[in-house]
Amino acid sequence: MSEKSATSLKDFLLEKGYTKIKLKLTKTNHFEIKSTINGIKGNFILDTGASSSCVGFEAIETFKLKVIDSEVKAAGAGAIDMLTQISKKNHIKIGKWKQDKVPLILFNLTHVNTALINHNAQPVDGIIGADILKKGKGVIDYEKKYLYLKL
């Protein structure tokens, strides 16, 4: 394929009905992404290894979450057996991509934010996980630092 006929990943995905969202690489080598939950903007880590998207307990009021207790214990980022709660039916917007009725896991994000702060990175409101990436047919362009989600 010659250089001139090569379609860029961006052009290919935009042609297929994807939207692109800028990612910011943090000092901890994580991608940070801006997202809106129930109409409120926040900062999140994009984590392909997190099965569920999560927010910290302290963000319950911020994002107007309706919460119920959960039997599920969370594990990850160096902590295990953390108590969780769940908030169902949330509206999420990332760039132009939108989704209703998104469940979010709530747990203590202190250990995550402490690690970020210790590396001179900004604390986050939560984690955008594989559940949202799967729903949005996510494609990550690591080199150009963009996330693509299917509209």
C-alpha atoms as a PDB file:
ATOM      1  CA  MET A   1       0.000   0.000   0.000  1.00  0.00           C
ATOM      2  CA  SER A   2       1.497   3.329  -0.992  1.00  0.00           C
ATOM      3  CA  GLU A   3       1.759   6.203   1.480  1.00  0.00           C
ATOM      4  CA  LYS A   4      -0.875   8.254  -0.357  1.00  0.00           C
ATOM      5  CA  SER A   5      -3.560   5.556  -0.384  1.00  0.00           C
ATOM      6  CA  ALA A   6      -3.095   4.631   3.280  1.00  0.00           C
ATOM      7  CA  THR A   7      -6.066   5.610   5.409  1.00  0.00           C
ATOM      8  CA  SER A   8      -5.231   6.743   8.909  1.00  0.00           C
ATOM      9  CA  LEU A   9      -6.834   5.009  11.884  1.00  0.00           C
ATOM     10  CA  LYS A  10      -8.600   8.288  12.665  1.00  0.00           C
ATOM     11  CA  ASP A  11     -10.097   8.641   9.179  1.00  0.00           C
ATOM     12  CA  PHE A  12     -11.103   4.982   9.086  1.00  0.00           C
ATOM     13  CA  LEU A  13     -12.878   5.096  12.469  1.00  0.00           C
ATOM     14  CA  LEU A  14     -14.553   8.471  11.891  1.00  0.00           C
ATOM     15  CA  GLU A  15     -15.845   7.111   8.576  1.00  0.00           C
ATOM     16  CA  LYS A  16     -17.286   4.125  10.470  1.00  0.00           C
ATOM     17  CA  GLY A  17     -19.254   6.409  12.811  1.00  0.00           C
ATOM     18  CA  TYR A  18     -16.861   6.706  15.742  1.00  0.00           C
ATOM     19  CA  THR A  19     -16.168   9.848  17.740  1.00  0.00           C
ATOM     20  CA  LYS A  20     -12.690  10.699  19.042  1.00  0.00           C
ATOM     21  CA  ILE A  21     -11.917  11.752  22.594  1.00  0.00           C
ATOM     22  CA  LYS A  22      -8.558  13.206  23.664  1.00  0.00           C
ATOM     23  CA  LEU A  23      -6.660  11.286  26.327  1.00  0.00           C
ATOM     24  CA  LYS A  24      -4.098  12.824  28.663  1.00  0.00           C
ATOM     25  CA  LEU A  25      -1.144  10.705  29.752  1.00  0.00           C
ATOM     26  CA  THR A  26      -0.510  11.204  33.470  1.00  0.00           C
ATOM     27  CA  LYS A  27       2.823  11.043  35.284  1.00  0.00           C
ATOM     28  CA  THR A  28       1.832   7.537  36.420  1.00  0.00           C
ATOM     29  CA  ASN A  29       1.518   6.439  32.769  1.00  0.00           C
ATOM     30  CA  HIS A  30      -2.280   6.168  32.958  1.00  0.00           C
ATOM     31  CA  PHE A  31      -4.636   7.797  30.508  1.00  0.00           C
ATOM     32  CA  GLU A  32      -6.914  10.391  32.055  1.00  0.00           C
ATOM     33  CA  ILE A  33     -10.238  11.143  30.382  1.00  0.00           C
ATOM     34  CA  LYS A  34     -12.932  13.730  30.979  1.00  0.00           C
ATOM     35  CA  SER A  35     -16.424  12.336  31.336  1.00  0.00           C
ATOM     36  CA  THR A  36     -19.839  13.577  32.400  1.00  0.00           C
ATOM     37  CA  ILE A  37     -22.010  11.562  34.769  1.00  0.00           C
ATOM     38  CA  ASN A  38     -25.613  12.683  35.259  1.00  0.00           C
ATOM     39  CA  GLY A  39     -24.706  16.083  33.796  1.00  0.00           C
ATOM     40  CA  ILE A  40     -21.672  16.681  36.077  1.00  0.00           C
ATOM     41  CA  LYS A  41     -18.133  16.768  34.640  1.00  0.00           C
ATOM     42  CA  GLY A  42     -15.338  14.763  36.215  1.00  0.00           C
ATOM     43  CA  ASN A  43     -11.843  13.385  35.670  1.00  0.00           C
ATOM     44  CA  PHE A  44     -11.362   9.658  35.298  1.00  0.00           C
ATOM     45  CA  ILE A  45      -8.639   7.132  34.641  1.00  0.00           C
ATOM     46  CA  LEU A  46      -9.220   4.980  31.565  1.00  0.00           C
ATOM     47  CA  ASP A  47      -8.483   1.442  32.755  1.00  0.00           C
ATOM     48  CA  THR A  48      -8.879  -1.481  30.362  1.00  0.00           C
ATOM     49  CA  GLY A  49      -8.090  -3.834  33.259  1.00  0.00           C
ATOM     50  CA  ALA A  50     -11.018  -2.638  35.386  1.00  0.00           C
ATOM     51  CA  SER A  51     -14.019  -4.818  34.553  1.00  0.00           C
ATOM     52  CA  SER A  52     -16.497  -2.208  35.837  1.00  0.00           C
ATOM     53  CA  SER A  53     -16.507   1.570  35.793  1.00  0.00           C
ATOM     54  CA  CYS A  54     -16.281   3.002  39.296  1.00  0.00           C
ATOM     55  CA  VAL A  55     -16.505   6.207  41.273  1.00  0.00           C
ATOM     56  CA  GLY A  56     -15.343   6.974  44.778  1.00  0.00           C
ATOM     57  CA  PHE A  57     -17.755   7.109  47.722  1.00  0.00           C
ATOM     58  CA  GLU A  58     -16.991  10.831  48.062  1.00  0.00           C
ATOM     59  CA  ALA A  59     -18.482  11.419  44.587  1.00  0.00           C
ATOM     60  CA  ILE A  60     -21.986  10.138  45.461  1.00  0.00           C
ATOM     61  CA  GLU A  61     -23.425  13.623  45.989  1.00  0.00           C
ATOM     62  CA  THR A  62     -21.305  15.265  43.285  1.00  0.00           C
ATOM     63  CA  PHE A  63     -22.697  13.011  40.554  1.00  0.00           C
ATOM     64  CA  LYS A  64     -26.212  12.722  42.073  1.00  0.00           C
ATOM     65  CA  LEU A  65     -25.956   8.948  42.403  1.00  0.00           C
ATOM     66  CA  LYS A  66     -28.770   6.801  43.771  1.00  0.00           C
ATOM     67  CA  VAL A  67     -26.931   4.134  45.712  1.00  0.00           C
ATOM     68  CA  ILE A  68     -27.725   0.659  47.005  1.00  0.00           C
ATOM     69  CA  ASP A  69     -25.474  -1.655  49.008  1.00  0.00           C
ATOM     70  CA  SER A  70     -23.712  -4.385  47.090  1.00  0.00           C
ATOM     71  CA  GLU A  71     -22.565  -7.858  48.139  1.00  0.00           C
ATOM     72  CA  VAL A  72     -19.651  -7.577  45.728  1.00  0.00           C
ATOM     73  CA  LYS A  73     -16.223  -6.966  47.194  1.00  0.00           C
ATOM     74  CA  ALA A  74     -13.883  -4.965  44.981  1.00  0.00           C
ATOM     75  CA  ALA A  75     -10.254  -5.826  44.368  1.00  0.00           C
ATOM     76  CA  GLY A  76      -7.635  -3.986  42.386  1.00  0.00           C
ATOM     77  CA  ALA A  77      -4.941  -1.337  42.438  1.00  0.00           C
ATOM     78  CA  GLY A  78      -3.226  -2.972  45.412  1.00  0.00           C
ATOM     79  CA  ALA A  79      -6.301  -3.420  47.609  1.00  0.00           C
ATOM     80  CA  ILE A  80      -8.635  -6.376  48.141  1.00  0.00           C
ATOM     81  CA  ASP A  81     -11.966  -7.075  49.867  1.00  0.00           C
ATOM     82  CA  MET A  82     -13.152  -3.479  49.652  1.00  0.00           C
ATOM     83  CA  LEU A  83     -16.801  -2.852  50.412  1.00  0.00           C
ATOM     84  CA  THR A  84     -18.769  -1.553  47.478  1.00  0.00           C
ATOM     85  CA  GLN A  85     -22.096  -0.010  46.646  1.00  0.00           C
ATOM     86  CA  ILE A  86     -23.768   0.204  43.265  1.00  0.00           C
ATOM     87  CA  SER A  87     -25.582   2.983  41.468  1.00  0.00           C
ATOM     88  CA  LYS A  88     -27.700   1.946  38.495  1.00  0.00           C
ATOM     89  CA  LYS A  89     -29.331   3.966  35.725  1.00  0.00           C
ATOM     90  CA  ASN A  90     -26.676   6.670  35.350  1.00  0.00           C
ATOM     91  CA  HIS A  91     -26.306   8.829  32.243  1.00  0.00           C
ATOM     92  CA  ILE A  92     -22.721   8.903  30.966  1.00  0.00           C
ATOM     93  CA  LYS A  93     -21.296  11.155  28.283  1.00  0.00           C
ATOM     94  CA  ILE A  94     -17.735  10.888  26.979  1.00  0.00           C
ATOM     95  CA  GLY A  95     -17.110  13.346  24.174  1.00  0.00           C
ATOM     96  CA  LYS A  96     -20.137  12.983  21.881  1.00  0.00           C
ATOM     97  CA  TRP A  97     -20.772   9.379  22.989  1.00  0.00           C
ATOM     98  CA  LYS A  98     -23.708   8.933  25.381  1.00  0.00           C
ATOM     99  CA  GLN A  99     -25.183   6.002  27.245  1.00  0.00           C
ATOM    100  CA  ASP A 100     -28.131   5.716  29.619  1.00  0.00           C
ATOM    101  CA  LYS A 101     -28.770   3.205  32.404  1.00  0.00           C
ATOM    102  CA  VAL A 102     -25.065   2.680  33.111  1.00  0.00           C
ATOM    103  CA  PRO A 103     -24.327   0.932  36.415  1.00  0.00           C
ATOM    104  CA  LEU A 104     -21.398   2.316  38.422  1.00  0.00           C
ATOM    105  CA  ILE A 105     -19.582   0.604  41.264  1.00  0.00           C
ATOM    106  CA  LEU A 106     -18.805   2.820  44.249  1.00  0.00           C
ATOM    107  CA  PHE A 107     -15.826   2.097  46.440  1.00  0.00           C
ATOM    108  CA  ASN A 108     -13.084   3.772  48.401  1.00  0.00           C
ATOM    109  CA  LEU A 109     -10.764   5.387  45.845  1.00  0.00           C
ATOM    110  CA  THR A 110      -8.388   6.775  48.474  1.00  0.00           C
ATOM    111  CA  HIS A 111      -5.596   4.286  47.672  1.00  0.00           C
ATOM    112  CA  VAL A 112      -5.833   5.159  43.958  1.00  0.00           C
ATOM    113  CA  ASN A 113      -5.747   8.918  44.558  1.00  0.00           C
ATOM    114  CA  THR A 114      -2.990   8.645  47.166  1.00  0.00           C
ATOM    115  CA  ALA A 115      -0.817   6.844  44.602  1.00  0.00           C
ATOM    116  CA  LEU A 116      -1.589   9.493  41.974  1.00  0.00           C
ATOM    117  CA  ILE A 117      -0.836  12.377  44.350  1.00  0.00           C
ATOM    118  CA  ASN A 118       2.410  10.684  45.450  1.00  0.00           C
ATOM    119  CA  HIS A 119       3.492  10.754  41.797  1.00  0.00           C
ATOM    120  CA  ASN A 120       2.516  14.436  41.393  1.00  0.00           C
ATOM    121  CA  ALA A 121      -0.568  13.517  39.358  1.00  0.00           C
ATOM    122  CA  GLN A 122      -4.066  14.912  39.888  1.00  0.00           C
ATOM    123  CA  PRO A 123      -6.607  12.864  41.866  1.00  0.00           C
ATOM    124  CA  VAL A 124      -9.556  11.447  39.900  1.00  0.00           C
ATOM    125  CA  ASP A 125     -13.285  11.023  40.483  1.00  0.00           C
ATOM    126  CA  GLY A 126     -13.300   7.455  39.247  1.00  0.00           C
ATOM    127  CA  ILE A 127     -12.356   4.881  36.661  1.00  0.00           C
ATOM    128  CA  ILE A 128     -13.800   4.308  33.203  1.00  0.00           C
ATOM    129  CA  GLY A 129     -13.495   0.554  32.770  1.00  0.00           C
ATOM    130  CA  ALA A 130     -13.868  -2.218  30.234  1.00  0.00           C
ATOM    131  CA  ASP A 131     -17.675  -2.235  30.580  1.00  0.00           C
ATOM    132  CA  ILE A 132     -17.952   1.183  28.919  1.00  0.00           C
ATOM    133  CA  LEU A 133     -15.176   0.445  26.429  1.00  0.00           C
ATOM    134  CA  LYS A 134     -17.058  -2.694  25.390  1.00  0.00           C
ATOM    135  CA  LYS A 135     -20.432  -0.892  25.120  1.00  0.00           C
ATOM    136  CA  GLY A 136     -18.834   1.842  23.019  1.00  0.00           C
ATOM    137  CA  LYS A 137     -16.735  -0.572  20.922  1.00  0.00           C
ATOM    138  CA  GLY A 138     -13.703   1.360  22.163  1.00  0.00           C
ATOM    139  CA  VAL A 139     -10.474   1.684  20.215  1.00  0.00           C
ATOM    140  CA  ILE A 140      -7.441   3.283  21.876  1.00  0.00           C
ATOM    141  CA  ASP A 141      -4.768   4.989  19.777  1.00  0.00           C
ATOM    142  CA  TYR A 142      -1.854   4.932  22.221  1.00  0.00           C
ATOM    143  CA  GLU A 143       0.514   6.819  19.934  1.00  0.00           C
ATOM    144  CA  LYS A 144      -1.799   9.750  19.226  1.00  0.00           C
ATOM    145  CA  LYS A 145      -3.522   9.574  22.653  1.00  0.00           C
ATOM    146  CA  TYR A 146      -7.149   9.259  21.533  1.00  0.00           C
ATOM    147  CA  LEU A 147     -10.032   7.025  22.505  1.00  0.00           C
ATOM    148  CA  TYR A 148     -12.589   6.265  19.799  1.00  0.00           C
ATOM    149  CA  LEU A 149     -16.150   5.258  20.726  1.00  0.00           C
ATOM    150  CA  LYS A 150     -18.876   4.193  18.282  1.00  0.00           C
ATOM    151  CA  LEU A 151     -21.803   6.611  18.106  1.00  0.00           C
END
